[in-house]
Amino acid sequence: MKLESMKEEFLSQARNIFLFDCQVAGLDAQLLNAYHDVLGVFIEFTGDILVKDLTPDHVRLYINNLSDGPNEGEEHTRVVINHYTLIHDWIRWLYAQKFVTERGGSAFAPQLSSLFPLRTAKVLPYCA
């Protein structure tokens, strides 16, 4: 995975990276397929835009469009909720990548010498 920002990735590529991360984390195949299918339909709806161009309105329009589908009833409501949940998880993951990048860019080795200054006193030998 790139440690740069996901902002410059297209949604389809961000989805593929997400699915790879999920697979490495051991997510079950059925859930991986659900993410693949739902995110694929969502990306078709929004267009394969850059991650930085994705807005909450894209999600709202997609969910509203899905809600207005020809089906009604509990099963249809469950499908809409599942789509929203999977898209929401993916967007949270996208947002979390920002923190991985920021953390990676500013990380540096701590200056242990300032925490544990060398002592000129007696040095204990290493005991195994």
Protein backbone atom coordinates (compact mmCIF):
# COMPACT_ATOMS: atom_id res chain seq x y z
CA MET A 1 0.00 0.00 0.00
CA LYS A 2 1.18 3.49 -0.70
CA LEU A 3 1.97 5.57 2.34
CA GLU A 4 1.06 8.76 0.53
CA SER A 5 -2.40 10.16 0.72
CA MET A 6 -5.28 8.30 -0.86
CA LYS A 7 -6.65 11.64 -2.08
CA GLU A 8 -4.98 11.28 -5.46
CA GLU A 9 -6.28 7.74 -6.09
CA PHE A 10 -9.33 6.96 -8.18
CA LEU A 11 -12.18 5.33 -6.29
CA SER A 12 -11.70 2.02 -8.09
CA GLN A 13 -8.04 1.85 -7.09
CA ALA A 14 -8.86 2.88 -3.50
CA ARG A 15 -11.46 0.09 -3.42
CA ASN A 16 -8.88 -2.45 -4.63
CA ILE A 17 -6.39 -1.37 -1.95
CA PHE A 18 -9.13 -1.57 0.68
CA LEU A 19 -10.14 -5.06 -0.43
CA PHE A 20 -6.53 -6.18 -0.36
CA ASP A 21 -6.13 -4.83 3.19
CA CYS A 22 -9.33 -6.63 4.21
CA GLN A 23 -8.12 -9.87 2.67
CA VAL A 24 -4.76 -9.60 4.45
CA ALA A 25 -6.63 -8.93 7.71
CA GLY A 26 -8.48 -12.22 7.20
CA LEU A 27 -11.94 -10.91 6.39
CA ASP A 28 -14.23 -13.71 5.32
CA ALA A 29 -14.77 -14.28 1.59
CA GLN A 30 -18.50 -13.62 1.70
CA LEU A 31 -17.99 -10.17 3.25
CA LEU A 32 -15.15 -9.40 0.83
CA ASN A 33 -17.50 -10.19 -2.07
CA ALA A 34 -20.18 -7.97 -0.55
CA TYR A 35 -17.71 -5.06 -0.27
CA HIS A 36 -16.54 -5.65 -3.84
CA ASP A 37 -20.07 -5.70 -5.26
CA VAL A 38 -21.50 -2.79 -3.25
CA LEU A 39 -18.48 -0.54 -3.75
CA GLY A 40 -18.46 -1.43 -7.45
CA VAL A 41 -22.08 -0.31 -7.85
CA PHE A 42 -21.39 2.82 -5.79
CA ILE A 43 -18.40 3.69 -7.98
CA GLU A 44 -20.48 3.14 -11.12
CA PHE A 45 -23.07 5.53 -9.69
CA THR A 46 -20.60 8.27 -8.71
CA GLY A 47 -18.16 7.73 -11.55
CA ASP A 48 -14.55 6.70 -11.00
CA ILE A 49 -13.57 10.06 -9.53
CA LEU A 50 -10.59 10.92 -7.34
CA VAL A 51 -11.01 10.17 -3.64
CA LYS A 52 -10.51 13.87 -2.85
CA ASP A 53 -13.58 14.69 -4.98
CA LEU A 54 -15.88 12.32 -3.10
CA THR A 55 -18.40 14.20 -0.94
CA PRO A 56 -21.16 13.25 1.50
CA ASP A 57 -23.62 14.29 -1.23
CA HIS A 58 -22.42 11.39 -3.39
CA VAL A 59 -23.35 8.96 -0.63
CA ARG A 60 -26.68 10.70 0.07
CA LEU A 61 -27.66 10.68 -3.61
CA TYR A 62 -26.70 7.02 -3.98
CA ILE A 63 -28.65 5.95 -0.87
CA ASN A 64 -31.67 8.06 -1.88
CA ASN A 65 -31.57 6.58 -5.38
CA LEU A 66 -31.31 3.07 -3.96
CA SER A 67 -34.15 3.77 -1.51
CA ASP A 68 -36.41 4.93 -4.33
CA GLY A 69 -35.93 1.63 -6.16
CA PRO A 70 -38.82 -0.47 -7.41
CA ASN A 71 -38.76 -2.76 -4.37
CA GLU A 72 -40.21 -1.95 -0.99
CA GLY A 73 -40.55 -3.73 2.30
CA GLU A 74 -38.25 -5.01 4.98
CA GLU A 75 -35.90 -6.85 2.62
CA HIS A 76 -35.36 -3.75 0.48
CA THR A 77 -34.81 -1.62 3.58
CA ARG A 78 -32.22 -4.13 4.80
CA VAL A 79 -30.41 -3.98 1.44
CA VAL A 80 -30.27 -0.17 1.58
CA ILE A 81 -28.96 -0.25 5.16
CA ASN A 82 -26.33 -2.84 4.22
CA HIS A 83 -25.14 -0.75 1.28
CA TYR A 84 -24.89 2.31 3.48
CA THR A 85 -22.99 0.37 6.16
CA LEU A 86 -20.43 -1.05 3.73
CA ILE A 87 -19.87 2.31 2.04
CA HIS A 88 -19.57 3.99 5.43
CA ASP A 89 -16.92 1.44 6.54
CA TRP A 90 -14.95 2.04 3.36
CA ILE A 91 -15.07 5.82 3.77
CA ARG A 92 -13.92 5.50 7.39
CA TRP A 93 -11.00 3.38 6.13
CA LEU A 94 -10.20 6.04 3.50
CA TYR A 95 -10.22 8.71 6.19
CA ALA A 96 -7.99 6.59 8.44
CA GLN A 97 -5.37 6.41 5.67
CA LYS A 98 -4.89 10.15 6.10
CA PHE A 99 -3.71 9.56 9.66
CA VAL A 100 -1.36 6.79 8.60
CA THR A 101 0.20 9.26 6.15
CA GLU A 102 0.41 12.11 8.65
CA ARG A 103 1.83 9.85 11.31
CA GLY A 104 4.34 8.37 8.85
CA GLY A 105 5.50 11.77 7.63
CA SER A 106 6.26 13.20 11.05
CA ALA A 107 7.59 10.08 12.73
CA PHE A 108 11.16 10.17 13.88
CA ALA A 109 13.30 8.16 16.24
CA PRO A 110 13.20 9.43 19.80
CA GLN A 111 16.34 10.98 21.21
CA LEU A 112 17.01 8.35 23.86
CA SER A 113 20.27 9.97 24.85
CA SER A 114 18.33 12.89 26.33
CA LEU A 115 16.13 10.49 28.29
CA PHE A 116 19.01 8.28 29.46
CA PRO A 117 22.19 10.36 29.57
CA LEU A 118 25.45 8.43 29.71
CA ARG A 119 26.69 8.10 33.21
CA THR A 120 30.32 8.18 34.01
CA ALA A 121 29.60 6.00 37.02
CA LYS A 122 30.18 2.29 37.21
CA VAL A 123 28.79 0.37 34.17
CA LEU A 124 27.26 -2.99 34.99
CA PRO A 125 28.36 -5.94 32.84
CA TYR A 126 25.80 -7.68 30.66
CA CYS A 127 24.46 -10.84 32.29
CA ALA A 128 22.77 -13.47 30.20
